Amino acid sequence: MGSILFGWWHLGLIIFSAALSIKMNVLLYAPSLFILMLKAMSISGVISALAGAALVQIVLGPPFLLSFLVEYISRAFNLGCVFIHFWSFNFKFVPEPFNFQCCLGSQTRCCI
C-alpha cells in the first residue's frame, strides 16, 4: 500500500477496501490504519476516506450477495467457531503446560 506511504489516504483506503472484499484478514490492519488516518488527516478527511471505502464495498458487494445471500449470512460471521492449534516444530522447546490449552479449550471443531 504505497499510496498510504505517500499520503494518498483516499486512494489507499479504496485499495484497502478492495483487498478487504477479497480477503477478510486484511481487516486486522484496520485499527492501526484508522489511528494513522486520525493522526494524518482531519475528521472530515477521515470520514470522506471511509466513505470512499464504503462505496467500494457497496459497488462490489451486491453481485455476490444477490447470488449467495443465505450462505453469506450463515457462514460469514460464525462466532461459535473454534480454531484448532497445532503445536509447531518451532515451539517444541516450550514446556507442555504452556501450550495454550487454556486459551483454545479442548474442543476439536475446526473452522476454515
PDB file of N, CA and C in Angstrom:
ATOM      1  N   MET A   1       0.834  -1.174   0.000  1.00  0.00           N
ATOM      2  CA  MET A   1       0.000   0.000   0.000  1.00  0.00           C
ATOM      3  C   MET A   1       0.885   1.245   0.000  1.00  0.00           C
ATOM      4  N   GLY A   2       1.604   1.403  -1.081  1.00  0.00           N
ATOM      5  CA  GLY A   2       2.488   2.541  -1.208  1.00  0.00           C
ATOM      6  C   GLY A   2       1.754   3.865  -1.220  1.00  0.00           C
ATOM      7  N   SER A   3       0.488   3.852  -1.612  1.00  0.00           N
ATOM      8  CA  SER A   3      -0.258   5.104  -1.662  1.00  0.00           C
ATOM      9  C   SER A   3      -0.421   5.714  -0.276  1.00  0.00           C
ATOM     10  N   ILE A   4      -0.539   4.889   0.741  1.00  0.00           N
ATOM     11  CA  ILE A   4      -0.648   5.409   2.103  1.00  0.00           C
ATOM     12  C   ILE A   4       0.690   5.986   2.548  1.00  0.00           C
ATOM     13  N   LEU A   5       1.774   5.378   2.137  1.00  0.00           N
ATOM     14  CA  LEU A   5       3.092   5.897   2.488  1.00  0.00           C
ATOM     15  C   LEU A   5       3.326   7.285   1.900  1.00  0.00           C
ATOM     16  N   PHE A   6       2.748   7.545   0.729  1.00  0.00           N
ATOM     17  CA  PHE A   6       2.895   8.851   0.102  1.00  0.00           C
ATOM     18  C   PHE A   6       1.834   9.847   0.543  1.00  0.00           C
ATOM     19  N   GLY A   7       0.956   9.431   1.448  1.00  0.00           N
ATOM     20  CA  GLY A   7      -0.064  10.330   1.959  1.00  0.00           C
ATOM     21  C   GLY A   7      -1.319  10.397   1.114  1.00  0.00           C
ATOM     22  N   TRP A   8      -1.473   9.489   0.181  1.00  0.00           N
ATOM     23  CA  TRP A   8      -2.686   9.449  -0.635  1.00  0.00           C
ATOM     24  C   TRP A   8      -3.714   8.565   0.073  1.00  0.00           C
ATOM     25  N   TRP A   9      -4.294   9.089   1.122  1.00  0.00           N
ATOM     26  CA  TRP A   9      -5.152   8.307   2.011  1.00  0.00           C
ATOM     27  C   TRP A   9      -6.415   7.799   1.332  1.00  0.00           C
ATOM     28  N   HIS A  10      -7.014   8.627   0.505  1.00  0.00           N
ATOM     29  CA  HIS A  10      -8.258   8.215  -0.145  1.00  0.00           C
ATOM     30  C   HIS A  10      -8.017   7.041  -1.100  1.00  0.00           C
ATOM     31  N   LEU A  11      -6.975   7.129  -1.896  1.00  0.00           N
ATOM     32  CA  LEU A  11      -6.630   6.026  -2.795  1.00  0.00           C
ATOM     33  C   LEU A  11      -6.218   4.790  -1.994  1.00  0.00           C
ATOM     34  N   GLY A  12      -5.464   4.999  -0.928  1.00  0.00           N
ATOM     35  CA  GLY A  12      -5.045   3.890  -0.088  1.00  0.00           C
ATOM     36  C   GLY A  12      -6.214   3.157   0.540  1.00  0.00           C
ATOM     37  N   LEU A  13      -7.222   3.914   0.972  1.00  0.00           N
ATOM     38  CA  LEU A  13      -8.389   3.266   1.576  1.00  0.00           C
ATOM     39  C   LEU A  13      -9.255   2.574   0.537  1.00  0.00           C
ATOM     40  N   ILE A  14      -9.278   3.079  -0.677  1.00  0.00           N
ATOM     41  CA  ILE A  14     -10.001   2.379  -1.748  1.00  0.00           C
ATOM     42  C   ILE A  14      -9.315   1.049  -2.049  1.00  0.00           C
ATOM     43  N   ILE A  15      -7.984   1.056  -2.102  1.00  0.00           N
ATOM     44  CA  ILE A  15      -7.242  -0.188  -2.316  1.00  0.00           C
ATOM     45  C   ILE A  15      -7.439  -1.130  -1.136  1.00  0.00           C
ATOM     46  N   PHE A  16      -7.423  -0.592   0.083  1.00  0.00           N
ATOM     47  CA  PHE A  16      -7.668  -1.392   1.285  1.00  0.00           C
ATOM     48  C   PHE A  16      -9.047  -2.041   1.232  1.00  0.00           C
ATOM     49  N   SER A  17     -10.041  -1.287   0.819  1.00  0.00           N
ATOM     50  CA  SER A  17     -11.399  -1.813   0.743  1.00  0.00           C
ATOM     51  C   SER A  17     -11.521  -2.891  -0.323  1.00  0.00           C
ATOM     52  N   ALA A  18     -10.841  -2.710  -1.445  1.00  0.00           N
ATOM     53  CA  ALA A  18     -10.848  -3.745  -2.482  1.00  0.00           C
ATOM     54  C   ALA A  18     -10.168  -5.013  -1.977  1.00  0.00           C
ATOM     55  N   ALA A  19      -9.065  -4.854  -1.251  1.00  0.00           N
ATOM     56  CA  ALA A  19      -8.386  -6.020  -0.676  1.00  0.00           C
ATOM     57  C   ALA A  19      -9.267  -6.693   0.366  1.00  0.00           C
ATOM     58  N   LEU A  20     -10.006  -5.910   1.115  1.00  0.00           N
ATOM     59  CA  LEU A  20     -10.915  -6.450   2.122  1.00  0.00           C
ATOM     60  C   LEU A  20     -12.032  -7.266   1.489  1.00  0.00           C
ATOM     61  N   SER A  21     -12.467  -6.867   0.317  1.00  0.00           N
ATOM     62  CA  SER A  21     -13.518  -7.625  -0.359  1.00  0.00           C
ATOM     63  C   SER A  21     -12.999  -8.965  -0.870  1.00  0.00           C
ATOM     64  N   ILE A  22     -11.682  -9.092  -1.007  1.00  0.00           N
ATOM     65  CA  ILE A  22     -11.085 -10.350  -1.463  1.00  0.00           C
ATOM     66  C   ILE A  22     -10.733 -11.246  -0.287  1.00  0.00           C
ATOM     67  N   LYS A  23     -10.131 -10.692   0.743  1.00  0.00           N
ATOM     68  CA  LYS A  23      -9.651 -11.490   1.869  1.00  0.00           C
ATOM     69  C   LYS A  23      -9.934 -10.752   3.170  1.00  0.00           C
ATOM     70  N   MET A  24     -10.716 -11.363   4.053  1.00  0.00           N
ATOM     71  CA  MET A  24     -11.161 -10.700   5.277  1.00  0.00           C
ATOM     72  C   MET A  24     -10.047 -10.468   6.290  1.00  0.00           C
ATOM     73  N   ASN A  25      -8.932 -11.188   6.203  1.00  0.00           N
ATOM     74  CA  ASN A  25      -7.896 -10.971   7.210  1.00  0.00           C
ATOM     75  C   ASN A  25      -7.211  -9.617   7.039  1.00  0.00           C
ATOM     76  N   VAL A  26      -7.476  -8.923   5.956  1.00  0.00           N
ATOM     77  CA  VAL A  26      -6.988  -7.550   5.783  1.00  0.00           C
ATOM     78  C   VAL A  26      -7.614  -6.650   6.843  1.00  0.00           C
ATOM     79  N   LEU A  27      -8.758  -7.057   7.358  1.00  0.00           N
ATOM     80  CA  LEU A  27      -9.440  -6.285   8.396  1.00  0.00           C
ATOM     81  C   LEU A  27      -8.580  -6.133   9.646  1.00  0.00           C
ATOM     82  N   LEU A  28      -7.612  -7.001   9.846  1.00  0.00           N
ATOM     83  CA  LEU A  28      -6.728  -6.905  11.006  1.00  0.00           C
ATOM     84  C   LEU A  28      -5.900  -5.621  10.988  1.00  0.00           C
ATOM     85  N   TYR A  29      -5.691  -5.055   9.816  1.00  0.00           N
ATOM     86  CA  TYR A  29      -4.936  -3.813   9.707  1.00  0.00           C
ATOM     87  C   TYR A  29      -5.789  -2.576   9.969  1.00  0.00           C
ATOM     88  N   ALA A  30      -7.093  -2.726  10.050  1.00  0.00           N
ATOM     89  CA  ALA A  30      -7.996  -1.580  10.146  1.00  0.00           C
ATOM     90  C   ALA A  30      -7.770  -0.701  11.381  1.00  0.00           C
ATOM     91  N   PRO A  31      -7.613  -1.249  12.593  1.00  0.00           N
ATOM     92  CA  PRO A  31      -7.427  -0.355  13.747  1.00  0.00           C
ATOM     93  C   PRO A  31      -6.199   0.537  13.625  1.00  0.00           C
ATOM     94  N   SER A  32      -5.074  -0.030  13.219  1.00  0.00           N
ATOM     95  CA  SER A  32      -3.873   0.798  13.107  1.00  0.00           C
ATOM     96  C   SER A  32      -3.992   1.787  11.951  1.00  0.00           C
ATOM     97  N   LEU A  33      -4.616   1.364  10.880  1.00  0.00           N
ATOM     98  CA  LEU A  33      -4.831   2.268   9.755  1.00  0.00           C
ATOM     99  C   LEU A  33      -5.734   3.439  10.156  1.00  0.00           C
ATOM    100  N   PHE A  34      -6.748   3.143  10.947  1.00  0.00           N
ATOM    101  CA  PHE A  34      -7.660   4.187  11.415  1.00  0.00           C
ATOM    102  C   PHE A  34      -6.928   5.190  12.312  1.00  0.00           C
ATOM    103  N   ILE A  35      -6.080   4.704  13.200  1.00  0.00           N
ATOM    104  CA  ILE A  35      -5.326   5.609  14.072  1.00  0.00           C
ATOM    105  C   ILE A  35      -4.366   6.470  13.251  1.00  0.00           C
ATOM    106  N   LEU A  36      -3.707   5.873  12.275  1.00  0.00           N
ATOM    107  CA  LEU A  36      -2.819   6.664  11.414  1.00  0.00           C
ATOM    108  C   LEU A  36      -3.589   7.724  10.641  1.00  0.00           C
ATOM    109  N   MET A  37      -4.785   7.372  10.182  1.00  0.00           N
ATOM    110  CA  MET A  37      -5.603   8.353   9.462  1.00  0.00           C
ATOM    111  C   MET A  37      -6.003   9.504  10.374  1.00  0.00           C
ATOM    112  N   LEU A  38      -6.369   9.185  11.614  1.00  0.00           N
ATOM    113  CA  LEU A  38      -6.749  10.247  12.546  1.00  0.00           C
ATOM    114  C   LEU A  38      -5.591  11.187  12.841  1.00  0.00           C
ATOM    115  N   LYS A  39      -4.383  10.648  12.865  1.00  0.00           N
ATOM    116  CA  LYS A  39      -3.218  11.495  13.116  1.00  0.00           C
ATOM    117  C   LYS A  39      -2.834  12.334  11.897  1.00  0.00           C
ATOM    118  N   ALA A  40      -3.075  11.811  10.704  1.00  0.00           N
ATOM    119  CA  ALA A  40      -2.616  12.481   9.495  1.00  0.00           C
ATOM    120  C   ALA A  40      -3.651  13.401   8.865  1.00  0.00           C
ATOM    121  N   MET A  41      -4.924  13.166   9.154  1.00  0.00           N
ATOM    122  CA  MET A  41      -5.988  13.901   8.461  1.00  0.00           C
ATOM    123  C   MET A  41      -6.945  14.528   9.461  1.00  0.00           C
ATOM    124  N   SER A  42      -7.758  15.432   8.956  1.00  0.00           N
ATOM    125  CA  SER A  42      -8.826  15.991   9.776  1.00  0.00           C
ATOM    126  C   SER A  42      -9.976  14.978   9.847  1.00  0.00           C
ATOM    127  N   ILE A  43     -10.910  15.230  10.733  1.00  0.00           N
ATOM    128  CA  ILE A  43     -12.058  14.330  10.883  1.00  0.00           C
ATOM    129  C   ILE A  43     -12.854  14.251   9.585  1.00  0.00           C
ATOM    130  N   SER A  44     -13.024  15.386   8.918  1.00  0.00           N
ATOM    131  CA  SER A  44     -13.767  15.363   7.654  1.00  0.00           C
ATOM    132  C   SER A  44     -13.016  14.561   6.586  1.00  0.00           C
ATOM    133  N   GLY A  45     -11.683  14.621   6.597  1.00  0.00           N
ATOM    134  CA  GLY A  45     -10.901  13.824   5.663  1.00  0.00           C
ATOM    135  C   GLY A  45     -11.020  12.338   5.948  1.00  0.00           C
ATOM    136  N   VAL A  46     -11.021  11.979   7.235  1.00  0.00           N
ATOM    137  CA  VAL A  46     -11.185  10.576   7.625  1.00  0.00           C
ATOM    138  C   VAL A  46     -12.554  10.072   7.199  1.00  0.00           C
ATOM    139  N   ILE A  47     -13.577  10.881   7.433  1.00  0.00           N
ATOM    140  CA  ILE A  47     -14.941  10.474   7.069  1.00  0.00           C
ATOM    141  C   ILE A  47     -15.078  10.313   5.562  1.00  0.00           C
ATOM    142  N   SER A  48     -14.483  11.218   4.794  1.00  0.00           N
ATOM    143  CA  SER A  48     -14.588  11.091   3.337  1.00  0.00           C
ATOM    144  C   SER A  48     -13.794   9.879   2.822  1.00  0.00           C
ATOM    145  N   ALA A  49     -12.640   9.593   3.430  1.00  0.00           N
ATOM    146  CA  ALA A  49     -11.877   8.412   3.024  1.00  0.00           C
ATOM    147  C   ALA A  49     -12.641   7.137   3.377  1.00  0.00           C
ATOM    148  N   LEU A  50     -13.261   7.099   4.555  1.00  0.00           N
ATOM    149  CA  LEU A  50     -14.068   5.942   4.940  1.00  0.00           C
ATOM    150  C   LEU A  50     -15.293   5.790   4.045  1.00  0.00           C
ATOM    151  N   ALA A  51     -15.860   6.921   3.613  1.00  0.00           N
ATOM    152  CA  ALA A  51     -17.000   6.869   2.694  1.00  0.00           C
ATOM    153  C   ALA A  51     -16.570   6.284   1.340  1.00  0.00           C
ATOM    154  N   GLY A  52     -15.380   6.620   0.902  1.00  0.00           N
ATOM    155  CA  GLY A  52     -14.864   6.034  -0.343  1.00  0.00           C
ATOM    156  C   GLY A  52     -14.671   4.530  -0.217  1.00  0.00           C
ATOM    157  N   ALA A  53     -14.166   4.097   0.941  1.00  0.00           N
ATOM    158  CA  ALA A  53     -14.001   2.666   1.172  1.00  0.00           C
ATOM    159  C   ALA A  53     -15.358   1.965   1.244  1.00  0.00           C
ATOM    160  N   ALA A  54     -16.325   2.610   1.879  1.00  0.00           N
ATOM    161  CA  ALA A  54     -17.668   2.031   1.951  1.00  0.00           C
ATOM    162  C   ALA A  54     -18.296   1.949   0.564  1.00  0.00           C
ATOM    163  N   LEU A  55     -18.032   2.941  -0.264  1.00  0.00           N
ATOM    164  CA  LEU A  55     -18.570   2.934  -1.621  1.00  0.00           C
ATOM    165  C   LEU A  55     -18.036   1.747  -2.425  1.00  0.00           C
ATOM    166  N   VAL A  56     -16.771   1.419  -2.231  1.00  0.00           N
ATOM    167  CA  VAL A  56     -16.203   0.255  -2.909  1.00  0.00           C
ATOM    168  C   VAL A  56     -16.949  -1.010  -2.481  1.00  0.00           C
ATOM    169  N   GLN A  57     -17.234  -1.136  -1.184  1.00  0.00           N
ATOM    170  CA  GLN A  57     -17.957  -2.305  -0.696  1.00  0.00           C
ATOM    171  C   GLN A  57     -19.386  -2.340  -1.235  1.00  0.00           C
ATOM    172  N   ILE A  58     -20.006  -1.185  -1.348  1.00  0.00           N
ATOM    173  CA  ILE A  58     -21.372  -1.116  -1.879  1.00  0.00           C
ATOM    174  C   ILE A  58     -21.407  -1.511  -3.353  1.00  0.00           C
ATOM    175  N   VAL A  59     -20.370  -1.137  -4.098  1.00  0.00           N
ATOM    176  CA  VAL A  59     -20.318  -1.478  -5.518  1.00  0.00           C
ATOM    177  C   VAL A  59     -19.973  -2.955  -5.729  1.00  0.00           C
ATOM    178  N   LEU A  60     -19.020  -3.476  -4.946  1.00  0.00           N
ATOM    179  CA  LEU A  60     -18.571  -4.845  -5.148  1.00  0.00           C
ATOM    180  C   LEU A  60     -19.460  -5.893  -4.474  1.00  0.00           C
ATOM    181  N   GLY A  61     -20.207  -5.517  -3.456  1.00  0.00           N
ATOM    182  CA  GLY A  61     -20.973  -6.482  -2.686  1.00  0.00           C
ATOM    183  C   GLY A  61     -22.230  -7.047  -3.313  1.00  0.00           C
ATOM    184  N   PRO A  62     -23.081  -6.250  -3.931  1.00  0.00           N
ATOM    185  CA  PRO A  62     -24.382  -6.764  -4.391  1.00  0.00           C
ATOM    186  C   PRO A  62     -24.346  -7.962  -5.338  1.00  0.00           C
ATOM    187  N   PRO A  63     -23.445  -8.038  -6.314  1.00  0.00           N
ATOM    188  CA  PRO A  63     -23.472  -9.242  -7.169  1.00  0.00           C
ATOM    189  C   PRO A  63     -23.286 -10.531  -6.365  1.00  0.00           C
ATOM    190  N   PHE A  64     -22.410 -10.497  -5.386  1.00  0.00           N
ATOM    191  CA  PHE A  64     -22.195 -11.682  -4.562  1.00  0.00           C
ATOM    192  C   PHE A  64     -23.373 -11.913  -3.622  1.00  0.00           C
ATOM    193  N   LEU A  65     -23.849 -10.856  -2.984  1.00  0.00           N
ATOM    194  CA  LEU A  65     -24.937 -11.006  -2.023  1.00  0.00           C
ATOM    195  C   LEU A  65     -26.236 -11.451  -2.686  1.00  0.00           C
ATOM    196  N   LEU A  66     -26.470 -11.019  -3.898  1.00  0.00           N
ATOM    197  CA  LEU A  66     -27.688 -11.447  -4.586  1.00  0.00           C
ATOM    198  C   LEU A  66     -27.622 -12.918  -4.979  1.00  0.00           C
ATOM    199  N   SER A  67     -26.417 -13.439  -5.190  1.00  0.00           N
ATOM    200  CA  SER A  67     -26.264 -14.840  -5.572  1.00  0.00           C
ATOM    201  C   SER A  67     -26.172 -15.780  -4.374  1.00  0.00           C
ATOM    202  N   PHE A  68     -25.524 -15.344  -3.301  1.00  0.00           N
ATOM    203  CA  PHE A  68     -25.226 -16.228  -2.175  1.00  0.00           C
ATOM    204  C   PHE A  68     -25.605 -15.598  -0.840  1.00  0.00           C
ATOM    205  N   LEU A  69     -26.758 -15.008  -0.737  1.00  0.00           N
ATOM    206  CA  LEU A  69     -27.145 -14.298   0.476  1.00  0.00           C
ATOM    207  C   LEU A  69     -27.236 -15.221   1.686  1.00  0.00           C
ATOM    208  N   VAL A  70     -27.894 -16.362   1.554  1.00  0.00           N
ATOM    209  CA  VAL A  70     -28.065 -17.278   2.688  1.00  0.00           C
ATOM    210  C   VAL A  70     -26.710 -17.829   3.141  1.00  0.00           C
ATOM    211  N   GLU A  71     -25.870 -18.213   2.209  1.00  0.00           N
ATOM    212  CA  GLU A  71     -24.556 -18.741   2.549  1.00  0.00           C
ATOM    213  C   GLU A  71     -23.708 -17.689   3.256  1.00  0.00           C
ATOM    214  N   TYR A  72     -23.797 -16.453   2.785  1.00  0.00           N
ATOM    215  CA  TYR A  72     -23.021 -15.383   3.398  1.00  0.00           C
ATOM    216  C   TYR A  72     -23.476 -15.141   4.828  1.00  0.00           C
ATOM    217  N   ILE A  73     -24.760 -15.014   5.037  1.00  0.00           N
ATOM    218  CA  ILE A  73     -25.269 -14.725   6.371  1.00  0.00           C
ATOM    219  C   ILE A  73     -24.995 -15.883   7.324  1.00  0.00           C
ATOM    220  N   SER A  74     -25.112 -17.110   6.846  1.00  0.00           N
ATOM    221  CA  SER A  74     -24.930 -18.259   7.745  1.00  0.00           C
ATOM    222  C   SER A  74     -23.468 -18.560   8.053  1.00  0.00           C
ATOM    223  N   ARG A  75     -22.531 -18.172   7.189  1.00  0.00           N
ATOM    224  CA  ARG A  75     -21.139 -18.565   7.390  1.00  0.00           C
ATOM    225  C   ARG A  75     -20.147 -17.425   7.564  1.00  0.00           C
ATOM    226  N   ALA A  76     -20.516 -16.235   7.211  1.00  0.00           N
ATOM    227  CA  ALA A  76     -19.539 -15.146   7.230  1.00  0.00           C
ATOM    228  C   ALA A  76     -19.127 -14.750   8.640  1.00  0.00           C
ATOM    229  N   PHE A  77     -20.058 -14.763   9.563  1.00  0.00           N
ATOM    230  CA  PHE A  77     -19.765 -14.327  10.919  1.00  0.00           C
ATOM    231  C   PHE A  77     -20.040 -15.457  11.896  1.00  0.00           C
ATOM    232  N   ASN A  78     -19.340 -16.561  11.750  1.00  0.00           N
ATOM    233  CA  ASN A  78     -19.511 -17.721  12.615  1.00  0.00           C
ATOM    234  C   ASN A  78     -18.740 -17.484  13.899  1.00  0.00           C
ATOM    235  N   LEU A  79     -19.392 -16.857  14.879  1.00  0.00           N
ATOM    236  CA  LEU A  79     -18.720 -16.519  16.120  1.00  0.00           C
ATOM    237  C   LEU A  79     -18.562 -17.721  17.041  1.00  0.00           C
ATOM    238  N   GLY A  80     -19.221 -18.827  16.741  1.00  0.00           N
ATOM    239  CA  GLY A  80     -19.079 -20.031  17.535  1.00  0.00           C
ATOM    240  C   GLY A  80     -17.929 -20.904  17.070  1.00  0.00           C
ATOM    241  N   CYS A  81     -17.152 -20.392  16.163  1.00  0.00           N
ATOM    242  CA  CYS A  81     -16.056 -21.147  15.564  1.00  0.00           C
ATOM    243  C   CYS A  81     -14.919 -21.342  16.575  1.00  0.00           C
ATOM    244  N   VAL A  82     -14.358 -22.529  16.602  1.00  0.00           N
ATOM    245  CA  VAL A  82     -13.213 -22.833  17.449  1.00  0.00           C
ATOM    246  C   VAL A  82     -12.065 -23.265  16.540  1.00  0.00           C
ATOM    247  N   PHE A  83     -10.936 -22.641  16.724  1.00  0.00           N
ATOM    248  CA  PHE A  83      -9.783 -22.964  15.900  1.00  0.00           C
ATOM    249  C   PHE A  83      -8.910 -23.993  16.601  1.00  0.00           C
ATOM    250  N   ILE A  84      -8.387 -24.903  15.840  1.00  0.00           N
ATOM    251  CA  ILE A  84      -7.508 -25.932  16.388  1.00  0.00           C
ATOM    252  C   ILE A  84      -6.075 -25.432  16.317  1.00  0.00           C
ATOM    253  N   HIS A  85      -5.389 -25.555  17.424  1.00  0.00           N
ATOM    254  CA  HIS A  85      -3.988 -25.138  17.474  1.00  0.00           C
ATOM    255  C   HIS A  85      -3.106 -26.364  17.336  1.00  0.00           C
ATOM    256  N   PHE A  86      -2.202 -26.357  16.377  1.00  0.00           N
ATOM    257  CA  PHE A  86      -1.236 -27.428  16.217  1.00  0.00           C
ATOM    258  C   PHE A  86       0.107 -26.929  16.730  1.00  0.00           C
ATOM    259  N   TRP A  87       0.708 -27.684  17.600  1.00  0.00           N
ATOM    260  CA  TRP A  87       1.980 -27.311  18.189  1.00  0.00           C
ATOM    261  C   TRP A  87       3.060 -27.404  17.120  1.00  0.00           C
ATOM    262  N   SER A  88       3.565 -26.275  16.683  1.00  0.00           N
ATOM    263  CA  SER A  88       4.513 -26.273  15.577  1.00  0.00           C
ATOM    264  C   SER A  88       5.901 -26.706  16.041  1.00  0.00           C
ATOM    265  N   PHE A  89       6.692 -27.065  15.095  1.00  0.00           N
ATOM    266  CA  PHE A  89       8.058 -27.509  15.369  1.00  0.00           C
ATOM    267  C   PHE A  89       8.865 -26.397  16.036  1.00  0.00           C
ATOM    268  N   ASN A  90       8.578 -25.149  15.695  1.00  0.00           N
ATOM    269  CA  ASN A  90       9.354 -24.028  16.229  1.00  0.00           C
ATOM    270  C   ASN A  90       9.164 -23.831  17.722  1.00  0.00           C
ATOM    271  N   PHE A  91       8.067 -24.341  18.283  1.00  0.00           N
ATOM    272  CA  PHE A  91       7.794 -24.146  19.692  1.00  0.00           C
ATOM    273  C   PHE A  91       7.928 -25.431  20.503  1.00  0.00           C
ATOM    274  N   LYS A  92       8.632 -26.406  20.002  1.00  0.00           N
ATOM    275  CA  LYS A  92       8.825 -27.668  20.723  1.00  0.00           C
ATOM    276  C   LYS A  92       9.625 -27.463  22.009  1.00  0.00           C
ATOM    277  N   PHE A  93      10.413 -26.405  22.071  1.00  0.00           N
ATOM    278  CA  PHE A  93      11.220 -26.157  23.261  1.00  0.00           C
ATOM    279  C   PHE A  93      10.389 -25.651  24.436  1.00  0.00           C
ATOM    280  N   VAL A  94       9.160 -25.178  24.180  1.00  0.00           N
ATOM    281  CA  VAL A  94       8.286 -24.674  25.244  1.00  0.00           C
ATOM    282  C   VAL A  94       7.682 -25.867  25.971  1.00  0.00           C
ATOM    283  N   PRO A  95       7.702 -25.866  27.307  1.00  0.00           N
ATOM    284  CA  PRO A  95       7.134 -26.992  28.048  1.00  0.00           C
ATOM    285  C   PRO A  95       5.646 -27.177  27.742  1.00  0.00           C
ATOM    286  N   GLU A  96       5.179 -28.400  27.840  1.00  0.00           N
ATOM    287  CA  GLU A  96       3.804 -28.753  27.508  1.00  0.00           C
ATOM    288  C   GLU A  96       2.746 -27.966  28.293  1.00  0.00           C
ATOM    289  N   PRO A  97       2.934 -27.638  29.584  1.00  0.00           N
ATOM    290  CA  PRO A  97       1.890 -26.873  30.291  1.00  0.00           C
ATOM    291  C   PRO A  97       1.606 -25.505  29.673  1.00  0.00           C
ATOM    292  N   PHE A  98       2.516 -24.989  28.891  1.00  0.00           N
ATOM    293  CA  PHE A  98       2.333 -23.680  28.282  1.00  0.00           C
ATOM    294  C   PHE A  98       1.839 -23.777  26.842  1.00  0.00           C
ATOM    295  N   ASN A  99       1.127 -24.808  26.489  1.00  0.00           N
ATOM    296  CA  ASN A  99       0.735 -24.989  25.094  1.00  0.00           C
ATOM    297  C   ASN A  99      -0.597 -24.324  24.740  1.00  0.00           C
ATOM    298  N   PHE A 100      -0.995 -23.340  25.500  1.00  0.00           N
ATOM    299  CA  PHE A 100      -2.158 -22.514  25.196  1.00  0.00           C
ATOM    300  C   PHE A 100      -3.477 -23.278  25.241  1.00  0.00           C
ATOM    301  N   GLN A 101      -3.521 -24.410  25.931  1.00  0.00           N
ATOM    302  CA  GLN A 101      -4.774 -25.152  26.042  1.00  0.00           C
ATOM    303  C   GLN A 101      -5.827 -24.339  26.771  1.00  0.00           C
ATOM    304  N   CYS A 102      -5.420 -23.510  27.721  1.00  0.00           N
ATOM    305  CA  CYS A 102      -6.403 -22.702  28.445  1.00  0.00           C
ATOM    306  C   CYS A 102      -7.071 -21.683  27.517  1.00  0.00           C
ATOM    307  N   CYS A 103      -6.343 -21.218  26.512  1.00  0.00           N
ATOM    308  CA  CYS A 103      -6.902 -20.238  25.579  1.00  0.00           C
ATOM    309  C   CYS A 103      -7.790 -20.886  24.529  1.00  0.00           C
ATOM    310  N   LEU A 104      -7.433 -22.075  24.112  1.00  0.00           N
ATOM    311  CA  LEU A 104      -8.134 -22.697  22.991  1.00  0.00           C
ATOM    312  C   LEU A 104      -9.209 -23.672  23.420  1.00  0.00           C
ATOM    313  N   GLY A 105      -9.159 -24.138  24.646  1.00  0.00           N
ATOM    314  CA  GLY A 105     -10.146 -25.118  25.095  1.00  0.00           C
ATOM    315  C   GLY A 105      -9.834 -26.485  24.533  1.00  0.00           C
ATOM    316  N   SER A 106     -10.696 -27.421  24.802  1.00  0.00           N
ATOM    317  CA  SER A 106     -10.421 -28.791  24.374  1.00  0.00           C
ATOM    318  C   SER A 106     -11.364 -29.225  23.248  1.00  0.00           C
ATOM    319  N   GLN A 107     -12.023 -28.308  22.604  1.00  0.00           N
ATOM    320  CA  GLN A 107     -12.926 -28.663  21.527  1.00  0.00           C
ATOM    321  C   GLN A 107     -12.137 -28.965  20.259  1.00  0.00           C
ATOM    322  N   THR A 108     -12.686 -29.814  19.426  1.00  0.00           N
ATOM    323  CA  THR A 108     -11.939 -30.260  18.251  1.00  0.00           C
ATOM    324  C   THR A 108     -12.525 -29.779  16.940  1.00  0.00           C
ATOM    325  N   ARG A 109     -13.553 -28.965  16.971  1.00  0.00           N
ATOM    326  CA  ARG A 109     -14.136 -28.483  15.738  1.00  0.00           C
ATOM    327  C   ARG A 109     -13.229 -27.453  15.114  1.00  0.00           C
ATOM    328  N   CYS A 110     -13.051 -27.519  13.825  1.00  0.00           N
ATOM    329  CA  CYS A 110     -12.118 -26.639  13.137  1.00  0.00           C
ATOM    330  C   CYS A 110     -12.869 -25.746  12.155  1.00  0.00           C
ATOM    331  N   CYS A 111     -12.499 -24.502  12.127  1.00  0.00           N
ATOM    332  CA  CYS A 111     -13.089 -23.560  11.169  1.00  0.00           C
ATOM    333  C   CYS A 111     -12.047 -23.224  10.117  1.00  0.00           C
ATOM    334  N   ILE A 112     -12.450 -23.271   8.884  1.00  0.00           N
ATOM    335  CA  ILE A 112     -11.529 -22.961   7.784  1.00  0.00           C
ATOM    336  C   ILE A 112     -12.036 -21.742   7.050  1.00  0.00           C
TER     337      ILE A 112
END
